[in-house]
Amino acid sequence: MSLPKGKVNVRYEFTADKPGEFATSGTTGFSLMAKQEAEGKIEHTVPLRFAAYEGMDIGTDNGLPVVRNLSTPKYCPPISKALSRR
């Protein structure tokens, strides 16, 4: 699968099997231009909470690297809108 040129609508969705519980399993899906491209099962998630900003670093990773001398180029194409639902 490759992304088309121009504006692209990308959607990732996770539906927990037991909403409100830590480390629950769930179903995940990825859609491109309103067409589901992939889906799968996640057996368990992280059993703790993250800060409100964690995961909202689109086009870059603001967290600490696993390896200290690891450097990755930052790439961020123009993004017209990013939505987060809770």
C-alpha atoms as a PDB file:
ATOM      1  CA  MET A   1       0.000   0.000   0.000  1.00  0.00           C
ATOM      2  CA  SER A   2       1.276   3.469  -0.809  1.00  0.00           C
ATOM      3  CA  LEU A   3      -0.161   6.863  -0.029  1.00  0.00           C
ATOM      4  CA  PRO A   4      -1.627   8.808  -2.924  1.00  0.00           C
ATOM      5  CA  LYS A   5      -0.329  12.301  -3.682  1.00  0.00           C
ATOM      6  CA  GLY A   6      -2.266  15.291  -2.421  1.00  0.00           C
ATOM      7  CA  LYS A   7      -4.621  15.444   0.550  1.00  0.00           C
ATOM      8  CA  VAL A   8      -5.028  12.090   2.271  1.00  0.00           C
ATOM      9  CA  ASN A   9      -7.439  11.032   5.012  1.00  0.00           C
ATOM     10  CA  VAL A  10      -5.775   8.496   7.346  1.00  0.00           C
ATOM     11  CA  ARG A  11      -7.630   7.002  10.310  1.00  0.00           C
ATOM     12  CA  TYR A  12      -6.471   4.683  13.072  1.00  0.00           C
ATOM     13  CA  GLU A  13      -8.996   3.260  15.516  1.00  0.00           C
ATOM     14  CA  PHE A  14      -8.717   1.076  18.621  1.00  0.00           C
ATOM     15  CA  THR A  15     -11.761  -0.419  20.311  1.00  0.00           C
ATOM     16  CA  ALA A  16     -11.047  -1.879  23.759  1.00  0.00           C
ATOM     17  CA  ASP A  17     -12.662  -5.177  24.715  1.00  0.00           C
ATOM     18  CA  LYS A  18     -13.043  -3.911  28.299  1.00  0.00           C
ATOM     19  CA  PRO A  19     -13.196  -0.085  28.182  1.00  0.00           C
ATOM     20  CA  GLY A  20     -11.823   1.593  31.299  1.00  0.00           C
ATOM     21  CA  GLU A  21      -9.560  -1.323  32.278  1.00  0.00           C
ATOM     22  CA  PHE A  22      -5.777  -1.112  32.020  1.00  0.00           C
ATOM     23  CA  ALA A  23      -3.919  -3.564  29.755  1.00  0.00           C
ATOM     24  CA  THR A  24      -7.114  -4.747  28.054  1.00  0.00           C
ATOM     25  CA  SER A  25      -7.187  -6.398  24.654  1.00  0.00           C
ATOM     26  CA  GLY A  26      -8.957  -4.865  21.699  1.00  0.00           C
ATOM     27  CA  THR A  27      -9.493  -4.564  17.978  1.00  0.00           C
ATOM     28  CA  THR A  28      -7.509  -2.154  15.850  1.00  0.00           C
ATOM     29  CA  GLY A  29      -8.109  -0.805  12.370  1.00  0.00           C
ATOM     30  CA  PHE A  30      -6.409   1.419   9.816  1.00  0.00           C
ATOM     31  CA  SER A  31      -8.314   3.228   7.067  1.00  0.00           C
ATOM     32  CA  LEU A  32      -7.065   5.226   4.113  1.00  0.00           C
ATOM     33  CA  MET A  33      -9.473   7.549   2.276  1.00  0.00           C
ATOM     34  CA  ALA A  34     -12.439   5.981   4.179  1.00  0.00           C
ATOM     35  CA  LYS A  35     -11.511   2.461   2.989  1.00  0.00           C
ATOM     36  CA  GLN A  36     -10.385  -0.030   5.640  1.00  0.00           C
ATOM     37  CA  GLU A  37      -6.909  -1.234   4.707  1.00  0.00           C
ATOM     38  CA  ALA A  38      -6.004  -3.324   7.751  1.00  0.00           C
ATOM     39  CA  GLU A  39      -7.429  -4.669  10.976  1.00  0.00           C
ATOM     40  CA  GLY A  40      -6.153  -6.846  13.771  1.00  0.00           C
ATOM     41  CA  LYS A  41      -6.288  -7.926  17.373  1.00  0.00           C
ATOM     42  CA  ILE A  42      -4.080  -6.480  20.122  1.00  0.00           C
ATOM     43  CA  GLU A  43      -3.874  -8.998  22.959  1.00  0.00           C
ATOM     44  CA  HIS A  44      -2.996  -6.473  25.692  1.00  0.00           C
ATOM     45  CA  THR A  45      -2.128  -2.797  25.946  1.00  0.00           C
ATOM     46  CA  VAL A  46       0.180  -0.825  28.249  1.00  0.00           C
ATOM     47  CA  PRO A  47      -0.993  -1.157  31.876  1.00  0.00           C
ATOM     48  CA  LEU A  48      -0.498   2.514  32.773  1.00  0.00           C
ATOM     49  CA  ARG A  49      -1.458   5.997  31.617  1.00  0.00           C
ATOM     50  CA  PHE A  50       0.577   8.491  29.642  1.00  0.00           C
ATOM     51  CA  ALA A  51       0.702  12.272  29.859  1.00  0.00           C
ATOM     52  CA  ALA A  52      -1.956  14.096  27.847  1.00  0.00           C
ATOM     53  CA  TYR A  53       0.546  15.133  25.169  1.00  0.00           C
ATOM     54  CA  GLU A  54       2.041  11.646  24.682  1.00  0.00           C
ATOM     55  CA  GLY A  55       1.197  10.227  21.286  1.00  0.00           C
ATOM     56  CA  MET A  56       0.309  13.612  19.798  1.00  0.00           C
ATOM     57  CA  ASP A  57       3.763  14.170  18.304  1.00  0.00           C
ATOM     58  CA  ILE A  58       2.764  13.810  14.650  1.00  0.00           C
ATOM     59  CA  GLY A  59       5.695  13.587  12.222  1.00  0.00           C
ATOM     60  CA  THR A  60       8.264  13.331  15.004  1.00  0.00           C
ATOM     61  CA  ASP A  61       8.870  11.445  18.232  1.00  0.00           C
ATOM     62  CA  ASN A  62       9.350  13.705  21.239  1.00  0.00           C
ATOM     63  CA  GLY A  63       9.987  10.809  23.625  1.00  0.00           C
ATOM     64  CA  LEU A  64      13.382   9.537  24.694  1.00  0.00           C
ATOM     65  CA  PRO A  65      15.062   7.082  22.298  1.00  0.00           C
ATOM     66  CA  VAL A  66      15.775   3.500  23.344  1.00  0.00           C
ATOM     67  CA  VAL A  67      19.426   3.943  22.327  1.00  0.00           C
ATOM     68  CA  ARG A  68      21.132   7.185  23.405  1.00  0.00           C
ATOM     69  CA  ASN A  69      23.013   7.784  20.136  1.00  0.00           C
ATOM     70  CA  LEU A  70      19.981   7.063  17.963  1.00  0.00           C
ATOM     71  CA  SER A  71      18.966   9.965  15.804  1.00  0.00           C
ATOM     72  CA  THR A  72      16.180   9.915  13.273  1.00  0.00           C
ATOM     73  CA  PRO A  73      15.430  12.575  10.698  1.00  0.00           C
ATOM     74  CA  LYS A  74      12.287  14.541  11.420  1.00  0.00           C
ATOM     75  CA  TYR A  75       9.742  14.576   8.629  1.00  0.00           C
ATOM     76  CA  CYS A  76       6.388  16.211   8.826  1.00  0.00           C
ATOM     77  CA  PRO A  77       4.296  16.705   5.704  1.00  0.00           C
ATOM     78  CA  PRO A  78       1.678  19.449   5.817  1.00  0.00           C
ATOM     79  CA  ILE A  79      -1.175  18.283   8.070  1.00  0.00           C
ATOM     80  CA  SER A  80      -4.440  20.155   7.722  1.00  0.00           C
ATOM     81  CA  LYS A  81      -6.274  18.524  10.656  1.00  0.00           C
ATOM     82  CA  ALA A  82      -5.545  15.963  13.393  1.00  0.00           C
ATOM     83  CA  LEU A  83      -8.360  14.680  15.602  1.00  0.00           C
ATOM     84  CA  SER A  84      -8.193  12.755  18.859  1.00  0.00           C
ATOM     85  CA  ARG A  85     -11.279  11.109  20.346  1.00  0.00           C
ATOM     86  CA  ARG A  86     -11.565   9.855  23.893  1.00  0.00           C
END
